[in-house]
Structure formats: structure tokens, C-alpha cells
Amino acid sequence: MTPHSLRMDVEATDAGSQSILSRARESVAGGESSTMRVLPYHLPLVIDRAEGPYIWDVDGNRLIDLNMAYGPLIFGHRHPIILDAVRQELDDRGTILGFPHRLSHQVAELIKKSVPSIDKVRFSSSGTEVVQTAIRLARAFTGRPKIVLFEGHYSGSSDAVFHKYHASLDELEHAGSLPLPGTAGMLAPQRAHLLPWNDADAVRAYLAEHGHETAALIMEPVMGNAGVIPPEDGYLAAVREATRRSGTLLIFDEIITGFRVARGGAQERFGVASDLTTLSKAMNGGMPVSVVGGRADIMELLVEGTVFHGGVYSGNPLGLAGALALQTEYERNGTAIYRALEESANRLASGLRELFRRRGVPVLVQHVGAMLSLAFTRRGGVDRVRNYRELLGVAWSERYIAFQHASQRRGVYFHPNQFEPWYVSIAHTPDVIDEILERLDGAAEAFDWSGAS
């Protein structure tokens, strides 16, 4: 059964969404500017408005949102802390200046306070941009050409790092020593090597042989591109030690994990510091702002012009106004915020495990802080996976898609791609979590568990 064949007759409930997407396809390639929002197996869904944990589509259906714009909305949709700050910035200075302004250092100082490994930062607009800058910095600082990437990780779509997006097991086995090209129109990442994640011995072995020519190793410190896969105990520390020994820079891509799994990101949660860090999403609450930051001696290459970094919208005041409001709230109430997020995520994860345990349906629920994932497995007894390959070996993607459709029709939205995490926010209070579980229970009650759908 292919994912496309799982589509169902939903004209009665999503006619408005279908109509708008049909019109959009006449002028927007595919009807949307991100393929991940209009996958072939995605039920038609066009949003009219949003508030807190809820979204309303153009057909008037209210859904509880567990996607949270792919992670940025740590306080939920349309939180007044961010909206008020952005409105005030529009009134005071407009949309963009093209000159230095005080918001830049105000946001930077709070980021540095949260992530102690960062001495200096530069702002950009997207995760792809700051990862590209981090790779350039690493190569320029070390004078070495090679970088290490990890199977199943995603660090943006630049030619520097974008390897095959969610490659199959067969493709991984035939990749050899180089990652596969990720999309037509680009070359494979140059001078890059692909390793399995959560395997410290593989890192040690590679760096022992190639460390002298390897500029950097870049990873998601909590894997968020294959559901949620935590680092094994001691893994991050072992990688940190191996990179120090070889003089290789360690880059943590904390676009997802920064300010989500803890205020200081995975670095705080697991007690391991990187040389360079990339941040966005929950750092800014949905504004188009990203950060590359790290050791002062590395960042100095940007000051002296050895590595170029620019961009008309980099550090724009409208985006930084929202980021400053959010960072200030973290500073004031961070302990309570992250306690509440942790409690909500734990409540949802335990509820999901119990819901499917009662039905004898094998699932894998993994979570770190306020990000979690659900995978249906083809056999029971799978209580964890360590890396992307292991997930591919056990996950039942067709069942996941079909259950997502059933859940969406009952008013709970999570992304139909099993590799996309679920995100909770401050707006997902215990009552909202309980409503989610009740609605998912209704979806499970009506679901045919005898086959893929």
C-alpha cells in the first residue's frame, strides 16, 4: 500500500481547503512554498486563524495543533508577548532599517547568558544560512577541508550539508564514503563524510584516521529529523573528547533543540558544550531570525573579513523585537516555563503509551523535553531506537499516515510524516493534553488495526 492510496474522501469537511489549494497550484509551484506542507499524502488543510494551541481551517474546523509551526511556537499561536513587541517595533521604527540598532546587542546578550559556550553571535534569517556560515568558519579557522555529517540528520538545504533527505536503507548501504546528493540541481556536499549517529566508536575511528584533515563535525544533539532520538548516555561527551583530541570543531545544530529541550538547549540538558552553535525556532517564537554563535577566536574571522557574512535582512529589527520579548520572558520566568513544558510532554507521552498498550498496538514513543515522537512498529518489544537506520528498520509509515488522517478528522493535527516531531507549548495545558488523548482515543477506537489502515 502506497502512502498516496491512503487518501480518503473528505470533500464534505475540507472543500474550502481543497478549493484554495487548487487555485494556488495555478500560480505557486505545487500550491505551497514548502513541499513539507503539501505532501502527496497530506489531507488538504488551509488555515484561517490560530490562537494558543488551536488552529481553525477555512472550513471552520478547529484542531489542536501539535506541529507548532515545526517547533518555534513555544508559547503557542499569537502570544501577546511577541505580538505586542512586534507591533511596537512597527510603530517605532517600521519594518527594516539597514543600520545598526540596539536590539541586536540586547538579544545577543540574553542568548549568551542562556548558552555559555557562545561568546559572540551573528544574526541571519534562516537555519540554512547560519549552518552554511558555521561550516565556512570551521574550514577557515582550522585550514582543513573535510566535515562530518550524520545519517538522517538535517541541517538546512545548502550545498554544504544537504545529503539525501530520509534516504532508504538500500541507499545508505550503497552510499560508500560520501553522502548522497539530496536533490537534483546540486552536487553532493563536498569533502564530507557520513557517519551513523549515536556510535562513538565510529566517530573515534574516523577522526583517528582523518582528524588531521577534518574541520568540523556537525550534528543535531537530539535527533529531530527522524522523530525524536535522544543521545545515548555519554555519547555527546565522547564526541566532544574525540573532536578536542583531533583539533576538529564540534558544531551543534540546535535550530530545533535550542530553547526547547531546555533554555540552554541540549548543551544545558546534557552538559556538553560545542565550539559553534546554530539557533532559531524557539529562540525567537516564530520570527525569521537565526543565529550562529561560538568561541570568540572563531567568530573573529567574521570581524576581520576572512569569512564573509551579510544579508539585508540579517538582524532585522522587526524579527529581533519578537526575539527580545521571548528571550526576556525566558530570563524572567524560565524555570516555570520549562517545568510546565516538561510536565505537558511527559503527560502526553505517558498517555500515548497507555492508549496503545490497552489496544495491544505496538508503538514507540520517544521524547526529550517539549519535543516527542510516535512511531508504529511492525513488532512489539521495541522500546527505543538509537539512530535513523534502526527507526527505518522497525517503523510502519503507512499505518502512521492512516492514523494521522483519522486523528486530523477528529480535531488533532500532527504532521503526517512520521519523521516530524510533535511539539508542545505553554498553551498545551493539562486540560488540553487530556483533550488530545481523548480525541486520539476516539480515532484509535474507530481505526482498523488489522492491516496498514
Protein backbone atom coordinates (compact mmCIF):
# COMPACT_ATOMS: atom_id res chain seq x y z
CA MET A 1 0.00 0.00 0.00
CA THR A 2 1.49 3.33 -1.02
CA PRO A 3 1.00 6.45 1.11
CA HIS A 4 -0.96 8.07 -1.73
CA SER A 5 -3.51 5.24 -1.73
CA LEU A 6 -4.38 6.05 1.88
CA ARG A 7 -6.10 9.29 0.89
CA MET A 8 -9.78 9.25 1.74
CA ASP A 9 -12.93 11.00 0.58
CA VAL A 10 -13.01 14.16 2.69
CA GLU A 11 -14.80 16.62 0.38
CA ALA A 12 -17.56 17.14 2.94
CA THR A 13 -15.17 18.58 5.54
CA ASP A 14 -12.37 20.22 3.57
CA ALA A 15 -13.97 21.63 0.43
CA GLY A 16 -12.66 25.13 1.20
CA SER A 17 -9.10 23.93 1.71
CA GLN A 18 -9.23 21.92 -1.49
CA SER A 19 -10.55 24.90 -3.46
CA ILE A 20 -7.83 27.27 -2.21
CA LEU A 21 -5.03 24.76 -2.84
CA SER A 22 -6.37 24.09 -6.31
CA ARG A 23 -6.28 27.80 -7.11
CA ALA A 24 -2.82 28.18 -5.54
CA ARG A 25 -1.39 25.47 -7.77
CA GLU A 26 -2.12 27.68 -10.79
CA SER A 27 0.47 30.25 -9.64
CA VAL A 28 2.53 28.66 -6.84
CA ALA A 29 4.55 25.57 -7.75
CA GLY A 30 2.76 22.70 -6.03
CA GLY A 31 0.40 25.14 -4.30
CA GLU A 32 2.77 25.97 -1.44
CA SER A 33 6.31 27.24 -0.88
CA SER A 34 7.41 24.21 1.16
CA THR A 35 6.91 20.65 -0.04
CA MET A 36 6.56 19.51 3.58
CA ARG A 37 3.24 21.41 3.83
CA VAL A 38 1.65 19.76 0.78
CA LEU A 39 2.96 16.22 0.69
CA PRO A 40 1.03 13.81 -1.57
CA TYR A 41 -0.43 12.07 1.48
CA HIS A 42 -1.26 15.29 3.36
CA LEU A 43 -5.00 15.83 3.82
CA PRO A 44 -5.93 19.26 2.37
CA LEU A 45 -5.58 21.83 5.13
CA VAL A 46 -5.56 25.61 4.71
CA ILE A 47 -5.52 27.62 7.93
CA ASP A 48 -7.73 30.63 8.50
CA ARG A 49 -6.67 31.66 12.03
CA ALA A 50 -4.85 30.41 15.12
CA GLU A 51 -4.82 31.02 18.87
CA GLY A 52 -2.94 29.29 21.68
CA PRO A 53 -2.89 25.53 20.98
CA TYR A 54 -5.62 25.76 18.33
CA ILE A 55 -5.87 26.28 14.58
CA TRP A 56 -9.05 26.81 12.55
CA ASP A 57 -9.15 25.88 8.89
CA VAL A 58 -11.05 27.74 6.17
CA ASP A 59 -13.91 25.24 6.52
CA GLY A 60 -14.41 26.20 10.17
CA ASN A 61 -12.90 23.07 11.73
CA ARG A 62 -10.97 23.59 14.96
CA LEU A 63 -7.92 21.42 15.52
CA ILE A 64 -5.45 21.13 18.39
CA ASP A 65 -2.07 21.81 16.85
CA LEU A 66 0.89 19.60 17.78
CA ASN A 67 3.06 20.90 14.94
CA MET A 68 3.51 24.43 16.34
CA ALA A 69 4.92 25.70 13.01
CA TYR A 70 7.55 22.91 13.13
CA GLY A 71 8.72 23.93 16.60
CA PRO A 72 9.08 27.72 17.02
CA LEU A 73 5.86 28.43 18.90
CA ILE A 74 6.97 27.70 22.44
CA PHE A 75 4.11 29.82 23.84
CA GLY A 76 1.52 28.74 21.28
CA HIS A 77 -0.03 30.74 18.47
CA ARG A 78 -0.36 34.53 18.66
CA HIS A 79 1.03 35.02 22.14
CA PRO A 80 0.65 38.69 23.18
CA ILE A 81 4.24 38.89 24.49
CA ILE A 82 5.53 38.58 20.93
CA LEU A 83 2.67 40.32 19.13
CA ASP A 84 2.87 43.42 21.33
CA ALA A 85 6.63 43.71 20.84
CA VAL A 86 6.36 43.43 17.07
CA ARG A 87 3.53 45.97 16.91
CA GLN A 88 5.58 48.41 18.98
CA GLU A 89 8.59 47.96 16.73
CA LEU A 90 6.45 48.65 13.65
CA ASP A 91 5.21 51.85 15.27
CA ASP A 92 8.68 52.97 16.38
CA ARG A 93 10.98 52.03 13.50
CA GLY A 94 8.99 50.27 10.78
CA THR A 95 9.87 47.03 9.05
CA ILE A 96 13.61 47.38 8.44
CA LEU A 97 16.34 49.98 8.89
CA GLY A 98 19.55 48.95 7.16
CA PHE A 99 21.53 50.44 10.08
CA PRO A 100 22.78 49.19 13.46
CA HIS A 101 20.24 49.26 16.29
CA ARG A 102 20.27 48.43 19.98
CA LEU A 103 18.06 45.33 19.69
CA SER A 104 21.00 43.45 18.23
CA HIS A 105 23.20 43.51 21.31
CA GLN A 106 20.21 43.21 23.67
CA VAL A 107 19.16 39.90 22.12
CA ALA A 108 22.77 38.70 21.81
CA GLU A 109 23.46 39.32 25.50
CA LEU A 110 20.48 37.21 26.56
CA ILE A 111 21.44 34.39 24.18
CA LYS A 112 24.97 34.38 25.57
CA LYS A 113 23.57 34.18 29.09
CA SER A 114 21.48 31.15 28.13
CA VAL A 115 24.16 29.30 26.13
CA PRO A 116 27.53 29.73 27.90
CA SER A 117 29.54 28.20 25.03
CA ILE A 118 28.66 31.25 22.92
CA ASP A 119 30.98 34.27 23.20
CA LYS A 120 29.84 36.14 20.07
CA VAL A 121 26.94 35.80 17.64
CA ARG A 122 25.87 36.83 14.17
CA PHE A 123 22.22 37.01 13.10
CA SER A 124 20.69 35.73 9.86
CA SER A 125 17.18 34.89 8.72
CA SER A 126 17.12 31.09 8.37
CA GLY A 127 18.70 27.95 9.72
CA THR A 128 20.20 27.11 6.34
CA GLU A 129 22.10 30.41 6.30
CA VAL A 130 23.69 30.07 9.72
CA VAL A 131 24.72 26.45 9.15
CA GLN A 132 26.41 27.50 5.93
CA THR A 133 28.28 30.22 7.82
CA ALA A 134 29.27 27.79 10.58
CA ILE A 135 30.80 25.39 8.03
CA ARG A 136 32.73 28.21 6.39
CA LEU A 137 34.01 29.40 9.76
CA ALA A 138 35.15 25.90 10.70
CA ARG A 139 37.05 25.37 7.45
CA ALA A 140 38.64 28.82 7.58
CA PHE A 141 39.63 28.51 11.26
CA THR A 142 41.16 25.05 11.01
CA GLY A 143 42.51 25.26 7.47
CA ARG A 144 41.03 21.81 6.89
CA PRO A 145 38.60 20.82 4.11
CA LYS A 146 36.53 17.89 5.40
CA ILE A 147 33.35 17.85 7.50
CA VAL A 148 31.44 15.01 9.17
CA LEU A 149 27.66 14.68 8.80
CA PHE A 150 25.29 12.09 10.27
CA GLU A 151 22.75 9.76 8.71
CA GLY A 152 19.23 11.10 8.90
CA HIS A 153 20.20 14.50 10.32
CA TYR A 154 19.00 17.72 8.69
CA SER A 155 20.91 20.98 8.92
CA GLY A 156 19.31 23.00 6.17
CA SER A 157 19.32 22.76 2.41
CA SER A 158 22.62 24.40 1.44
CA ASP A 159 25.02 22.51 -0.80
CA ALA A 160 27.47 22.42 2.12
CA VAL A 161 25.48 19.88 4.13
CA PHE A 162 22.29 18.72 2.40
CA HIS A 163 22.54 15.00 1.82
CA LYS A 164 19.79 12.59 0.80
CA TYR A 165 16.66 13.57 2.70
CA HIS A 166 15.34 10.50 4.54
CA ALA A 167 17.33 8.04 2.47
CA SER A 168 16.23 4.42 2.34
CA LEU A 169 18.25 1.65 3.96
CA ASP A 170 19.33 0.48 0.50
CA GLU A 171 20.56 3.96 -0.43
CA LEU A 172 22.52 4.21 2.81
CA GLU A 173 24.17 0.85 2.21
CA HIS A 174 25.32 1.96 -1.25
CA ALA A 175 26.41 5.46 -0.24
CA GLY A 176 30.03 4.44 0.29
CA SER A 177 32.20 7.02 1.99
CA LEU A 178 30.32 10.05 0.68
CA PRO A 179 26.77 11.21 1.37
CA LEU A 180 24.31 11.06 -1.47
CA PRO A 181 23.16 14.15 -3.32
CA GLY A 182 19.96 15.33 -1.71
CA THR A 183 18.18 16.89 -4.66
CA ALA A 184 18.59 17.40 -8.38
CA GLY A 185 20.50 20.53 -9.27
CA MET A 186 23.19 20.22 -6.63
CA LEU A 187 26.39 18.30 -6.12
CA ALA A 188 26.87 16.09 -3.09
CA PRO A 189 28.35 18.00 -0.15
CA GLN A 190 31.99 18.46 -0.97
CA ARG A 191 34.67 16.91 1.24
CA ALA A 192 32.01 15.44 3.56
CA HIS A 193 31.76 12.06 5.25
CA LEU A 194 28.57 10.44 6.54
CA LEU A 195 28.54 8.50 9.81
CA PRO A 196 25.83 6.70 11.79
CA TRP A 197 24.71 8.69 14.82
CA ASN A 198 24.96 7.56 18.46
CA ASP A 199 28.05 5.49 17.63
CA ALA A 200 31.01 6.98 19.48
CA ASP A 201 33.37 4.29 18.19
CA ALA A 202 32.59 5.30 14.60
CA VAL A 203 33.47 8.91 15.41
CA ARG A 204 36.68 7.94 17.18
CA ALA A 205 37.75 5.65 14.34
CA TYR A 206 37.08 8.23 11.65
CA LEU A 207 38.86 11.05 13.47
CA ALA A 208 41.82 8.83 14.32
CA GLU A 209 42.41 8.38 10.59
CA HIS A 210 41.08 11.64 9.14
CA GLY A 211 41.04 14.11 12.02
CA HIS A 212 44.05 15.99 10.68
CA GLU A 213 42.03 16.98 7.59
CA THR A 214 38.59 17.34 9.21
CA ALA A 215 37.43 20.87 10.02
CA ALA A 216 34.18 20.11 11.81
CA LEU A 217 31.64 17.60 12.88
CA ILE A 218 28.02 18.90 12.77
CA MET A 219 25.07 17.17 14.40
CA GLU A 220 21.66 17.65 15.93
CA PRO A 221 22.48 16.91 19.61
CA VAL A 222 18.98 15.45 19.90
CA MET A 223 17.94 13.98 16.60
CA GLY A 224 14.78 15.71 15.38
CA ASN A 225 14.71 14.67 11.74
CA ALA A 226 13.78 11.04 12.42
CA GLY A 227 11.16 11.63 15.03
CA VAL A 228 12.93 12.27 18.32
CA ILE A 229 16.02 10.20 19.09
CA PRO A 230 17.95 11.11 22.27
CA PRO A 231 21.72 10.78 22.50
CA GLU A 232 22.91 7.66 24.28
CA ASP A 233 24.34 8.20 27.75
CA GLY A 234 27.85 9.55 27.36
CA TYR A 235 27.68 9.86 23.57
CA LEU A 236 27.89 13.64 23.31
CA ALA A 237 30.71 13.76 25.85
CA ALA A 238 32.63 11.09 23.93
CA VAL A 239 32.24 13.03 20.68
CA ARG A 240 33.36 16.20 22.44
CA GLU A 241 36.51 14.48 23.68
CA ALA A 242 37.28 12.95 20.29
CA THR A 243 36.95 16.28 18.47
CA ARG A 244 39.14 18.05 21.03
CA ARG A 245 41.81 15.41 20.63
CA SER A 246 41.90 15.81 16.85
CA GLY A 247 41.51 19.60 16.79
CA THR A 248 38.19 19.23 14.96
CA LEU A 249 35.47 21.75 15.75
CA LEU A 250 32.18 20.49 17.15
CA ILE A 251 29.08 22.23 15.75
CA PHE A 252 25.74 21.67 17.45
CA ASP A 253 22.79 22.36 15.19
CA GLU A 254 20.32 23.48 17.85
CA ILE A 255 17.84 25.03 15.43
CA ILE A 256 15.19 22.71 16.93
CA THR A 257 16.56 21.93 20.39
CA GLY A 258 17.74 25.39 21.39
CA PHE A 259 15.33 26.94 23.93
CA ARG A 260 13.04 23.93 23.52
CA VAL A 261 14.57 20.97 25.37
CA ALA A 262 15.94 23.47 27.92
CA ARG A 263 16.61 27.19 27.99
CA GLY A 264 20.23 26.49 27.10
CA GLY A 265 19.21 23.78 24.66
CA ALA A 266 20.72 20.31 24.51
CA GLN A 267 24.02 21.76 25.71
CA GLU A 268 22.43 22.61 29.03
CA ARG A 269 20.39 19.44 29.26
CA PHE A 270 23.33 17.10 28.60
CA GLY A 271 26.18 19.25 29.89
CA VAL A 272 28.27 19.25 26.73
CA ALA A 273 29.45 22.48 25.05
CA SER A 274 30.14 22.92 21.34
CA ASP A 275 32.59 25.23 19.57
CA LEU A 276 29.91 26.65 17.28
CA THR A 277 26.13 26.60 17.68
CA THR A 278 23.24 27.38 15.33
CA LEU A 279 19.90 28.54 16.76
CA SER A 280 16.46 29.62 15.55
CA LYS A 281 12.84 28.44 16.06
CA ALA A 282 12.10 28.53 19.82
CA MET A 283 14.82 31.15 20.19
CA ASN A 284 12.54 33.70 18.53
CA GLY A 285 8.99 32.38 18.74
CA GLY A 286 8.31 32.34 15.03
CA MET A 287 10.09 35.43 13.74
CA PRO A 288 12.52 34.85 10.82
CA VAL A 289 15.70 35.16 12.88
CA SER A 290 18.60 32.71 13.22
CA VAL A 291 21.95 32.75 14.99
CA VAL A 292 25.41 31.34 14.52
CA GLY A 293 27.47 31.76 17.67
CA GLY A 294 30.54 30.37 19.30
CA ARG A 295 34.04 30.91 20.58
CA ALA A 296 35.37 34.45 20.21
CA ASP A 297 38.52 33.35 18.38
CA ILE A 298 36.46 31.58 15.72
CA MET A 299 33.89 34.37 15.36
CA GLU A 300 36.74 36.88 14.94
CA LEU A 301 37.13 35.61 11.38
CA LEU A 302 33.90 37.44 10.56
CA VAL A 303 35.21 40.67 12.09
CA GLU A 304 38.47 40.68 10.18
CA GLY A 305 36.76 39.73 6.92
CA THR A 306 38.40 36.34 6.46
CA VAL A 307 34.90 34.84 6.27
CA PHE A 308 32.14 36.91 4.71
CA HIS A 309 28.73 37.16 6.32
CA GLY A 310 25.97 39.59 5.36
CA GLY A 311 22.35 39.86 4.30
CA VAL A 312 19.85 42.70 4.04
CA TYR A 313 17.51 41.02 6.49
CA SER A 314 20.18 39.69 8.86
CA GLY A 315 19.42 41.02 12.33
CA ASN A 316 16.40 42.99 11.13
CA PRO A 317 14.74 44.93 13.99
CA LEU A 318 11.25 43.55 13.46
CA GLY A 319 12.44 39.98 13.95
CA LEU A 320 14.73 40.87 16.83
CA ALA A 321 11.91 42.72 18.60
CA GLY A 322 10.00 39.45 18.82
CA ALA A 323 13.13 37.55 19.79
CA LEU A 324 13.92 40.06 22.55
CA ALA A 325 10.43 39.75 24.00
CA LEU A 326 10.75 35.98 24.12
CA GLN A 327 14.29 35.99 25.49
CA THR A 328 13.25 38.46 28.20
CA GLU A 329 10.41 36.15 29.21
CA TYR A 330 12.82 33.22 29.42
CA GLU A 331 15.04 35.35 31.66
CA ARG A 332 12.17 36.26 33.97
CA ASN A 333 10.21 33.00 34.12
CA GLY A 334 12.40 30.32 32.59
CA THR A 335 12.21 27.89 35.48
CA ALA A 336 8.40 27.84 35.48
CA ILE A 337 8.21 27.75 31.67
CA TYR A 338 10.42 24.70 31.27
CA ARG A 339 8.83 22.90 34.20
CA ALA A 340 5.41 23.33 32.57
CA LEU A 341 6.68 22.21 29.17
CA GLU A 342 8.30 19.12 30.66
CA GLU A 343 5.13 18.20 32.55
CA SER A 344 2.95 18.56 29.46
CA ALA A 345 5.30 16.48 27.32
CA ASN A 346 5.52 13.76 29.98
CA ARG A 347 1.74 13.71 30.31
CA LEU A 348 1.27 13.33 26.56
CA ALA A 349 3.99 10.70 26.15
CA SER A 350 2.72 8.51 29.00
CA GLY A 351 -0.86 8.92 27.77
CA LEU A 352 0.09 7.78 24.28
CA ARG A 353 1.89 4.72 25.59
CA GLU A 354 -1.11 3.73 27.70
CA LEU A 355 -3.60 4.40 24.91
CA PHE A 356 -1.92 1.94 22.55
CA ARG A 357 -0.93 -0.53 25.27
CA ARG A 358 -4.63 -1.04 26.04
CA ARG A 359 -5.23 -1.98 22.42
CA GLY A 360 -2.18 -4.18 22.06
CA VAL A 361 -0.84 -1.93 19.28
CA PRO A 362 2.98 -1.77 19.27
CA VAL A 363 4.29 1.79 19.26
CA LEU A 364 7.49 3.61 20.05
CA VAL A 365 7.16 6.92 21.90
CA GLN A 366 10.38 8.86 22.46
CA HIS A 367 10.73 12.38 23.81
CA VAL A 368 13.21 14.88 25.15
CA GLY A 369 11.77 17.92 26.83
CA ALA A 370 8.99 19.56 24.83
CA MET A 371 9.51 17.52 21.65
CA LEU A 372 8.33 13.95 21.18
CA SER A 373 7.52 11.40 18.51
CA LEU A 374 5.25 8.45 17.92
CA ALA A 375 6.08 5.57 15.58
CA PHE A 376 4.01 2.48 14.87
CA THR A 377 6.23 -0.59 14.81
CA ARG A 378 5.73 -3.83 12.94
CA ARG A 379 6.54 -5.86 16.03
CA GLY A 380 6.29 -5.39 19.77
CA GLY A 381 9.09 -5.02 22.27
CA VAL A 382 10.77 -2.04 20.61
CA ASP A 383 11.22 0.44 23.44
CA ARG A 384 13.88 2.63 21.82
CA VAL A 385 15.88 3.26 18.66
CA ARG A 386 19.39 4.70 18.66
CA ASN A 387 19.64 6.11 15.16
CA TYR A 388 17.98 6.65 11.80
CA ARG A 389 18.74 3.19 10.44
CA GLU A 390 17.16 1.49 13.44
CA LEU A 391 13.99 3.57 13.05
CA LEU A 392 13.74 2.68 9.35
CA GLY A 393 14.04 -0.98 10.29
CA VAL A 394 11.03 -1.03 12.63
CA ALA A 395 8.67 1.83 11.69
CA TRP A 396 5.35 1.27 9.89
CA SER A 397 4.92 4.51 7.96
CA GLU A 398 1.67 3.57 6.15
CA ARG A 399 -0.06 2.93 9.46
CA TYR A 400 1.22 6.25 10.80
CA ILE A 401 -0.16 8.17 7.82
CA ALA A 402 -3.53 6.47 8.06
CA PHE A 403 -3.78 7.15 11.78
CA GLN A 404 -2.78 10.78 11.24
CA HIS A 405 -5.68 11.13 8.82
CA ALA A 406 -8.07 9.64 11.35
CA SER A 407 -6.71 11.92 14.08
CA GLN A 408 -6.92 15.05 11.94
CA ARG A 409 -10.57 14.30 11.23
CA ARG A 410 -11.14 14.16 14.99
CA GLY A 411 -9.54 17.52 15.60
CA VAL A 412 -5.87 16.78 16.41
CA TYR A 413 -3.16 17.80 13.97
CA PHE A 414 0.33 16.38 13.86
CA HIS A 415 2.39 16.13 10.70
CA PRO A 416 1.65 13.03 8.57
CA ASN A 417 5.37 12.39 8.02
CA GLN A 418 6.48 10.12 10.87
CA PHE A 419 9.90 11.80 10.89
CA GLU A 420 8.46 15.15 12.01
CA PRO A 421 8.37 15.56 15.82
CA TRP A 422 5.34 16.60 17.84
CA TYR A 423 5.79 19.86 19.76
CA VAL A 424 4.03 21.01 22.90
CA SER A 425 3.84 24.60 24.07
CA ILE A 426 2.89 26.51 27.19
CA ALA A 427 -0.60 26.67 25.69
CA HIS A 428 -0.87 22.87 25.88
CA THR A 429 -2.12 22.84 29.44
CA PRO A 430 -3.03 19.59 31.23
CA ASP A 431 -6.67 20.03 30.14
CA VAL A 432 -5.59 20.42 26.51
CA ILE A 433 -3.33 17.36 26.73
CA ASP A 434 -6.24 15.37 28.14
CA GLU A 435 -8.45 16.54 25.27
CA ILE A 436 -5.78 15.46 22.79
CA LEU A 437 -5.63 11.99 24.34
CA GLU A 438 -9.43 11.71 24.39
CA ARG A 439 -9.65 12.62 20.71
CA LEU A 440 -6.82 10.27 19.76
CA ASP A 441 -8.54 7.55 21.75
CA GLY A 442 -11.65 8.13 19.64
CA ALA A 443 -9.56 7.90 16.48
CA ALA A 444 -7.97 4.66 17.71
CA GLU A 445 -11.37 3.21 18.67
CA ALA A 446 -12.64 3.61 15.11
CA PHE A 447 -9.39 2.56 13.44
CA ASP A 448 -8.91 -0.79 11.70
CA TRP A 449 -5.79 -2.21 13.36
CA SER A 450 -5.89 -5.48 11.39
CA GLY A 451 -3.89 -4.04 8.48
CA ALA A 452 -1.93 -0.97 7.44
CA SER A 453 -5.07 1.17 7.74
